[in-house]
Protein backbone atom coordinates (compact mmCIF):
# COMPACT_ATOMS: atom_id res chain seq x y z
CA MET A 1 -14.35 20.46 -4.40
CA ARG A 2 -15.71 20.09 -0.80
CA CYS A 3 -12.70 18.85 1.78
CA PRO A 4 -13.35 15.84 3.35
CA ASP A 5 -14.13 15.82 7.14
CA LEU A 6 -10.59 15.11 8.91
CA ARG A 7 -12.90 14.02 12.06
CA SER A 8 -14.40 11.94 10.96
CA GLY A 9 -12.39 8.03 12.13
CA SER A 10 -13.78 5.75 9.03
CA LEU A 11 -12.49 8.64 6.48
CA LYS A 12 -8.74 7.89 8.38
CA VAL A 13 -8.45 4.14 8.60
CA ALA A 14 -9.83 4.38 5.06
CA VAL A 15 -6.62 6.69 3.88
CA LEU A 16 -4.30 5.49 5.76
CA TYR A 17 -4.99 2.09 4.65
CA ILE A 18 -5.49 2.80 0.93
CA GLY A 19 -2.44 4.86 1.46
CA GLY A 20 -0.32 2.22 2.71
CA VAL A 21 -1.02 0.03 0.12
CA ILE A 22 -0.90 1.64 -2.84
CA GLY A 23 2.53 2.53 -3.41
CA ALA A 24 4.80 2.80 -6.70
CA GLY A 25 3.99 -1.17 -7.24
CA PHE A 26 0.24 -0.76 -8.08
CA ALA A 27 0.25 2.76 -9.25
CA SER A 28 2.93 1.61 -11.69
CA GLY A 29 0.40 -1.49 -12.23
CA GLN A 30 3.29 -4.43 -12.10
CA GLU A 31 2.27 -5.12 -9.13
CA ILE A 32 -1.71 -6.16 -10.96
CA MET A 33 0.19 -7.47 -13.65
CA GLN A 34 2.39 -10.10 -12.12
CA PHE A 35 0.08 -11.40 -9.05
CA PHE A 36 -3.87 -11.09 -11.49
CA ALA A 37 -3.53 -10.33 -14.80
CA VAL A 38 -0.82 -13.21 -16.29
CA PHE A 39 -3.52 -15.49 -14.48
CA GLY A 40 -5.93 -14.19 -17.73
CA THR A 41 -9.65 -13.95 -17.02
CA ARG A 42 -8.87 -16.28 -13.90
CA GLY A 43 -7.11 -13.52 -12.21
CA LEU A 44 -9.97 -11.18 -11.83
CA TRP A 45 -11.21 -14.22 -9.12
CA GLY A 46 -7.14 -13.26 -7.35
CA VAL A 47 -8.49 -9.85 -7.63
CA ALA A 48 -12.07 -10.77 -5.50
CA LEU A 49 -10.06 -13.13 -2.84
CA ALA A 50 -8.00 -10.59 -2.33
CA THR A 51 -10.53 -8.14 -1.57
CA ALA A 52 -12.26 -10.08 0.34
CA LEU A 53 -8.95 -10.72 2.64
CA PHE A 54 -8.04 -6.90 2.56
CA VAL A 55 -11.19 -5.98 4.56
CA TYR A 56 -10.51 -9.32 6.49
CA LEU A 57 -7.65 -8.71 7.59
CA GLY A 58 -8.33 -4.90 7.59
CA VAL A 59 -11.08 -4.91 10.14
CA ALA A 60 -8.78 -7.41 11.80
CA VAL A 61 -5.89 -5.07 12.94
CA GLN A 62 -8.30 -1.87 13.56
CA THR A 63 -10.46 -3.59 15.69
CA THR A 64 -7.64 -5.02 17.50
CA ALA A 65 -6.02 -1.71 17.90
CA VAL A 66 -9.20 -0.40 19.09
CA ARG A 67 -9.97 -2.72 21.49
CA LEU A 68 -6.34 -2.67 23.15
CA GLU A 69 -6.29 1.13 22.69
CA SER A 70 -3.24 1.32 20.71
CA THR A 71 -0.57 3.71 19.86
CA GLY A 72 1.79 1.62 17.88
CA TYR A 73 2.03 -1.90 16.55
CA ARG A 74 3.80 -3.29 19.53
CA GLU A 75 0.79 -3.53 21.26
CA VAL A 76 -1.05 -5.31 18.93
CA LEU A 77 1.45 -7.93 18.16
CA GLU A 78 2.03 -8.87 21.37
CA HIS A 79 -1.81 -9.39 21.31
CA LEU A 80 -1.51 -11.32 18.17
CA LEU A 81 1.41 -13.63 18.97
CA GLY A 82 2.83 -13.23 22.45
CA ARG A 83 5.40 -11.47 24.21
CA SER A 84 8.17 -13.28 22.97
CA LEU A 85 7.36 -13.99 19.09
CA ALA A 86 5.98 -10.43 18.95
CA ALA A 87 10.14 -9.21 19.68
CA VAL A 88 11.26 -11.09 17.14
CA MET A 89 8.07 -10.03 14.70
CA ASP A 90 8.74 -6.04 15.96
CA ARG A 91 12.75 -5.97 15.31
CA LEU A 92 11.55 -7.31 12.02
CA SER A 93 8.71 -4.69 11.23
CA LEU A 94 10.78 -1.56 12.27
CA GLY A 95 13.45 -2.91 9.59
CA MET A 96 10.91 -3.17 6.88
CA LEU A 97 9.07 -0.06 7.23
CA LEU A 98 12.73 1.65 7.45
CA VAL A 99 13.70 0.13 4.43
CA GLY A 100 10.30 0.40 2.58
CA LEU A 101 11.11 3.93 3.15
CA GLY A 102 14.45 4.02 1.74
CA ILE A 103 13.21 2.31 -1.16
CA MET A 104 10.21 4.65 -1.47
CA LEU A 105 13.00 7.69 -1.53
CA ALA A 106 14.49 5.68 -4.28
CA GLY A 107 11.69 5.53 -6.04
CA SER A 108 11.01 9.23 -6.36
CA GLY A 109 15.04 9.30 -7.48
CA ALA A 110 13.77 7.48 -10.30
CA ILE A 111 10.96 9.53 -11.40
CA PHE A 112 13.30 12.68 -11.46
CA GLN A 113 15.61 10.82 -13.00
CA GLU A 114 12.98 8.89 -15.81
CA GLN A 115 10.83 11.74 -16.09
CA LEU A 116 12.71 14.70 -15.47
CA GLY A 117 15.79 14.52 -16.90
CA LEU A 118 17.26 15.72 -12.95
CA PRO A 119 19.50 13.73 -10.99
CA PRO A 120 18.25 10.89 -8.84
CA ALA A 121 19.44 12.94 -5.55
CA ALA A 122 17.43 15.15 -6.84
CA GLY A 123 14.10 13.16 -6.03
CA VAL A 124 15.74 11.38 -3.50
CA LEU A 125 16.10 15.26 -1.56
CA VAL A 126 12.47 16.90 -2.34
CA LEU A 127 10.87 13.47 -1.55
CA ALA A 128 13.00 13.41 2.09
CA ALA A 129 11.59 16.96 3.15
CA LEU A 130 8.25 16.50 2.23
CA ILE A 131 8.36 13.29 3.94
CA VAL A 132 9.75 15.08 7.49
CA ALA A 133 7.84 18.11 6.93
CA VAL A 134 4.21 15.83 6.92
CA LEU A 135 5.39 13.89 10.27
CA TRP A 136 6.65 17.53 11.98
CA GLY A 137 2.80 17.84 12.09
CA GLY A 138 2.27 14.67 13.80
CA LEU A 139 -0.77 12.29 13.36
CA ASN A 140 -3.09 15.27 11.88
CA GLY A 141 -0.64 15.92 9.40
CA VAL A 142 -0.38 12.24 8.21
CA VAL A 143 -4.25 11.94 7.95
CA THR A 144 -4.34 15.16 6.41
CA VAL A 145 -1.89 15.07 3.34
CA ASN A 146 -3.64 11.18 2.74
CA ALA A 147 -6.81 12.41 2.92
CA VAL A 148 -5.90 15.23 0.09
CA LEU A 149 -3.50 12.53 -2.15
CA VAL A 150 -4.90 9.22 -1.79
CA PRO A 151 -8.40 10.37 -3.42
CA LEU A 152 -6.37 11.94 -6.39
CA LYS A 153 -3.98 9.35 -6.80
CA LEU A 154 -6.46 6.46 -6.55
CA GLY A 155 -9.02 8.46 -9.17
CA LEU A 156 -6.21 9.04 -11.28
CA VAL A 157 -5.54 5.02 -11.25
CA ILE A 158 -8.68 3.83 -12.12
CA GLY A 159 -9.68 7.18 -14.45
CA VAL A 160 -6.33 5.32 -16.73
CA ALA A 161 -7.21 1.72 -16.32
CA LEU A 162 -11.55 2.88 -17.21
CA LEU A 163 -9.68 5.30 -20.41
CA ALA A 164 -7.70 2.21 -21.60
CA LEU A 165 -10.52 -0.59 -21.09
CA ALA A 166 -12.87 1.75 -23.23
CA THR A 167 -10.05 2.03 -25.93
CA ALA A 168 -8.85 -1.78 -25.70
CA TRP A 169 -7.09 -2.27 -28.66
CA GLY A 170 -5.83 -5.82 -27.72
CA SER A 171 -6.59 -9.48 -29.76
CA PRO A 172 -9.18 -12.36 -28.16
CA GLY A 173 -5.81 -13.35 -27.63
CA SER A 174 -3.98 -11.44 -25.60
CA ALA A 175 -6.41 -12.66 -22.84
CA ALA A 176 -5.67 -15.97 -24.03
CA HIS A 177 -1.57 -15.48 -23.41
CA ALA A 178 -2.34 -14.20 -20.06
CA GLY A 179 -3.28 -17.32 -18.69
CA ALA A 180 -0.23 -19.38 -18.71
CA SER A 181 1.16 -19.76 -15.04
CA PRO A 182 4.07 -16.96 -14.27
CA PRO A 183 7.00 -18.75 -12.50
CA GLY A 184 8.74 -18.14 -9.41
CA LEU A 185 7.02 -17.65 -6.23
CA LEU A 186 3.37 -17.82 -8.33
CA ALA A 187 3.74 -20.42 -9.79
CA GLY A 188 0.12 -22.15 -9.21
CA ASN A 189 -2.32 -20.36 -9.27
CA TRP A 190 -4.08 -17.81 -8.43
CA VAL A 191 -4.92 -18.80 -5.03
CA TRP A 192 -1.26 -18.96 -4.32
CA ALA A 193 -0.97 -15.72 -5.82
CA ALA A 194 -3.42 -13.75 -4.43
CA LEU A 195 -2.60 -15.41 -0.76
CA LEU A 196 0.96 -13.84 -1.40
CA TYR A 197 -0.32 -10.51 -2.44
CA VAL A 198 -1.90 -9.72 0.45
CA SER A 199 0.43 -11.06 2.71
CA TYR A 200 3.08 -8.65 1.05
CA ASN A 201 1.24 -5.91 1.53
CA MET A 202 0.11 -6.11 5.10
CA VAL A 203 3.28 -4.89 6.99
CA VAL A 204 2.69 -1.61 6.50
CA PRO A 205 -1.04 -0.74 6.92
CA VAL A 206 -0.83 -2.92 10.45
CA ALA A 207 2.04 -0.58 11.48
CA VAL A 208 0.10 2.34 10.08
CA LEU A 209 -3.59 1.29 11.65
CA SER A 210 -2.30 0.56 14.83
CA THR A 211 -1.17 3.99 16.06
CA LEU A 212 -5.42 4.43 15.77
CA GLY A 213 -5.81 2.44 18.08
CA ARG A 214 -6.92 5.07 21.26
CA HIS A 215 -8.54 7.29 18.77
CA LEU A 216 -11.71 5.45 16.88
CA SER A 217 -15.05 3.83 18.17
CA PRO A 218 -15.34 0.30 17.61
CA ALA A 219 -17.70 1.54 14.39
CA GLU A 220 -15.68 3.57 13.37
CA ALA A 221 -12.75 1.28 12.93
CA VAL A 222 -14.89 -1.37 11.05
CA ARG A 223 -16.83 0.94 9.09
CA GLY A 224 -12.95 2.56 7.53
CA ALA A 225 -11.69 -0.76 7.19
CA LEU A 226 -14.34 -1.72 4.82
CA ALA A 227 -14.58 0.91 3.59
CA GLY A 228 -10.89 0.93 2.35
CA GLY A 229 -10.56 -2.88 1.89
CA ILE A 230 -13.10 -2.34 -1.11
CA MET A 231 -11.70 0.44 -2.48
CA LEU A 232 -8.68 -1.24 -3.01
CA GLY A 233 -10.31 -4.04 -4.28
CA LEU A 234 -11.97 -2.42 -6.78
CA ALA A 235 -9.20 -0.44 -7.96
CA ALA A 236 -6.70 -3.23 -8.35
CA GLY A 237 -9.83 -4.67 -10.17
CA VAL A 238 -10.16 -2.03 -12.50
CA VAL A 239 -6.42 -1.84 -12.89
CA ALA A 240 -6.25 -6.14 -13.88
CA ALA A 241 -9.09 -5.93 -16.53
CA ALA A 242 -7.39 -3.15 -18.61
CA ILE A 243 -3.91 -4.75 -17.88
CA ILE A 244 -5.91 -8.08 -19.28
CA ALA A 245 -7.22 -6.58 -21.95
CA HIS A 246 -4.09 -5.24 -23.38
CA TYR A 247 -1.61 -8.25 -22.63
CA GLY A 248 0.07 -8.50 -25.79
CA GLN A 249 1.17 -4.99 -25.57
CA VAL A 250 1.73 -4.02 -21.73
CA ARG A 251 3.28 -7.20 -21.39
CA LEU A 252 7.37 -6.47 -21.67
CA TYR A 253 6.43 -2.88 -19.91
CA GLN A 254 8.14 -2.08 -16.55
CA VAL A 255 5.63 0.47 -16.00
CA PRO A 256 2.43 -1.21 -17.59
CA LEU A 257 -0.08 1.42 -16.47
CA LEU A 258 2.01 4.34 -17.54
CA TYR A 259 2.46 2.63 -21.58
CA LEU A 260 -1.49 2.17 -21.30
CA ALA A 261 -1.55 5.63 -20.00
CA GLY A 262 0.90 7.52 -22.87
CA ALA A 263 -1.21 5.56 -25.52
CA VAL A 264 -4.22 7.36 -24.47
CA HIS A 265 -3.38 10.55 -24.71
CA PRO A 266 0.46 11.88 -24.62
CA VAL A 267 -1.07 14.60 -21.95
CA VAL A 268 -2.79 11.22 -20.16
CA GLY A 269 0.65 9.63 -19.70
CA VAL A 270 2.15 12.99 -18.23
CA MET A 271 -0.98 13.07 -15.71
CA PHE A 272 -0.16 9.84 -14.88
CA SER A 273 3.45 9.70 -13.57
CA VAL A 274 2.29 12.29 -11.00
CA ALA A 275 0.36 9.73 -9.90
CA ILE A 276 3.09 7.19 -9.66
CA TRP A 277 5.19 9.83 -7.74
CA LEU A 278 2.29 11.02 -5.28
CA ALA A 279 2.05 6.77 -4.72
CA VAL A 280 5.67 6.79 -3.85
CA PHE A 281 5.35 9.77 -1.63
CA THR A 282 2.43 8.66 0.47
CA THR A 283 3.86 5.04 0.77
CA GLY A 284 7.19 6.64 2.21
CA ILE A 285 4.66 8.50 5.05
CA ALA A 286 3.15 5.39 5.45
CA ASN A 287 6.55 3.62 6.25
CA ALA A 288 8.28 6.76 7.96
CA HIS A 289 4.87 7.36 10.44
CA GLY A 290 4.77 3.28 11.02
CA PHE A 291 8.47 3.22 12.13
CA ALA A 292 8.38 6.40 14.14
CA GLY A 293 5.07 5.96 15.68
CA ARG A 294 6.81 2.31 16.80
CA LEU A 295 9.08 4.09 19.32
CA ALA A 296 7.44 7.75 20.23
CA LEU A 297 3.92 8.70 20.55
CA PRO A 298 2.83 10.42 17.32
CA GLY A 299 2.72 14.40 17.69
CA SER A 300 5.24 13.78 20.38
CA ARG A 301 9.39 15.06 20.14
CA GLY A 302 10.16 12.37 20.00
CA TYR A 303 7.95 11.28 17.38
CA ARG A 304 9.36 13.45 14.94
CA LEU A 305 13.10 13.52 15.69
CA ALA A 306 12.74 9.65 15.17
CA GLY A 307 11.13 9.98 11.92
CA LEU A 308 13.56 13.01 10.94
CA GLY A 309 16.62 10.31 12.04
CA ALA A 310 14.93 7.46 10.29
CA THR A 311 14.56 10.26 6.99
CA LEU A 312 18.53 11.41 7.19
CA ILE A 313 19.25 7.67 7.76
CA MET A 314 17.74 5.78 4.42
CA VAL A 315 18.81 8.87 1.92
CA PRO A 316 22.41 7.53 1.23
CA VAL A 317 20.53 3.92 1.44
CA ALA A 318 18.35 5.54 -1.49
CA LEU A 319 21.17 6.49 -3.26
CA LEU A 320 21.87 2.92 -4.14
CA GLY A 321 19.50 2.79 -6.92
CA PHE A 322 15.61 1.84 -6.98
CA VAL A 323 15.96 -1.67 -8.89
CA THR A 324 18.99 -2.36 -6.71
CA LEU A 325 17.08 -2.19 -3.02
CA VAL A 326 13.33 -3.77 -5.26
CA ARG A 327 15.27 -6.88 -6.53
CA PHE A 328 17.11 -7.03 -3.20
CA PHE A 329 14.47 -6.92 0.18
CA TYR A 330 11.08 -7.14 -1.96
CA PRO A 331 11.11 -11.41 -1.76
CA LEU A 332 11.91 -10.82 1.78
CA PHE A 333 9.18 -8.82 2.68
CA GLY A 334 6.85 -11.22 0.72
CA LEU A 335 8.02 -14.01 3.42
CA ILE A 336 7.84 -11.65 6.32
CA GLY A 337 4.55 -10.48 5.44
CA LEU A 338 3.08 -14.69 5.45
CA VAL A 339 4.04 -14.42 8.86
CA LEU A 340 1.63 -12.04 9.88
CA ALA A 341 -1.20 -12.89 7.71
CA GLY A 342 -1.26 -15.81 8.38
CA VAL A 343 -1.76 -14.82 12.18
CA LEU A 344 -4.94 -12.62 11.55
CA LEU A 345 -5.96 -14.90 9.24
CA SER A 346 -5.81 -17.55 11.70
CA ARG A 347 -7.84 -15.46 14.84
CA PRO A 348 -11.09 -14.31 13.72
CA VAL A 349 -12.75 -12.08 14.49
CA ALA A 350 -14.90 -13.08 16.45
CA GLY A 351 -15.42 -10.27 19.55
CA PHE A 352 -16.32 -7.95 16.24
CA TRP A 353 -19.49 -10.37 15.11
CA ARG A 354 -20.31 -11.09 18.84
CA GLU A 355 -20.61 -6.72 19.93
CA ARG A 356 -21.61 -5.40 16.36
CA ALA A 357 -25.38 -5.15 17.70
CA LYS A 358 -24.14 -3.15 20.55
CA ILE A 359 -21.86 -1.20 19.12
CA GLY A 360 -24.72 -0.19 15.89
CA ILE A 361 -23.41 -1.72 13.00
């Protein structure tokens, strides 16, 4: 296997973008089921809309970061929101990144307990140690780990979904049943669900991608955001199609893709549990890097200490349990994310379209 060229700015953007979005919820299939598959085949239109939004917002964030030569998301927020509102959003984002890190640590604990029969604290501490080790390598360490692990977890997720599609045993009634409108915040239609899904998933990528501003050319920024957004859409589409095909069987499971993987073959189920943990790992890195990168220049002593401190602080919080933290914080994250996504959508990337001939795209 040829080692990816880590000097490529486009690769850095793509892997960090994908790594920030594909967390445990995506890899488990639960997010995709709740936001898309529950609408049946109409949910695939929602995936198409979400893909377009991921591409658009990724380009908006990354071109803004390059133009500002940013090293953290504060500069980007001030440009988009103004100084006063940016200060409020900055504090909210810092809190979300910190809590998100704690949730990923708790997720690792849950996986160690359910898959290996070990105490949750073991999974929490192992992931905490690995995240600190990655941050100690600075931005290069973060990019290197994502360049290796993101294609691996993405390949496993798409591979399991394709195998499930190839062996689909669901009746036509399964997809029809999936067409019922879900309750709660997602009630309504697939358009609203797609908008909420993207807004919910943009806070971490904004924090991570903003740290690359001064390290990229405009062309690298755009190409990387395009590639990352398209790959996110492709993965979501394949997973949604697989869940729709098996909806009658998977709708009652907390980890739909793990059920489908085990149904294909027990060995595939074990491999996929690894993919879910990798998703937790890379998302935990993204949260810790976004938090530390806001407080200090990536790679500096202050950055390392901020990452270490954040991880240590969240270890006891993570021991409260994965489900407890997700149920309390994720709905709040979605509402805050709507504000940020709304601002990005209201500021078209006009500068990019005017200057694309200059940057050779």
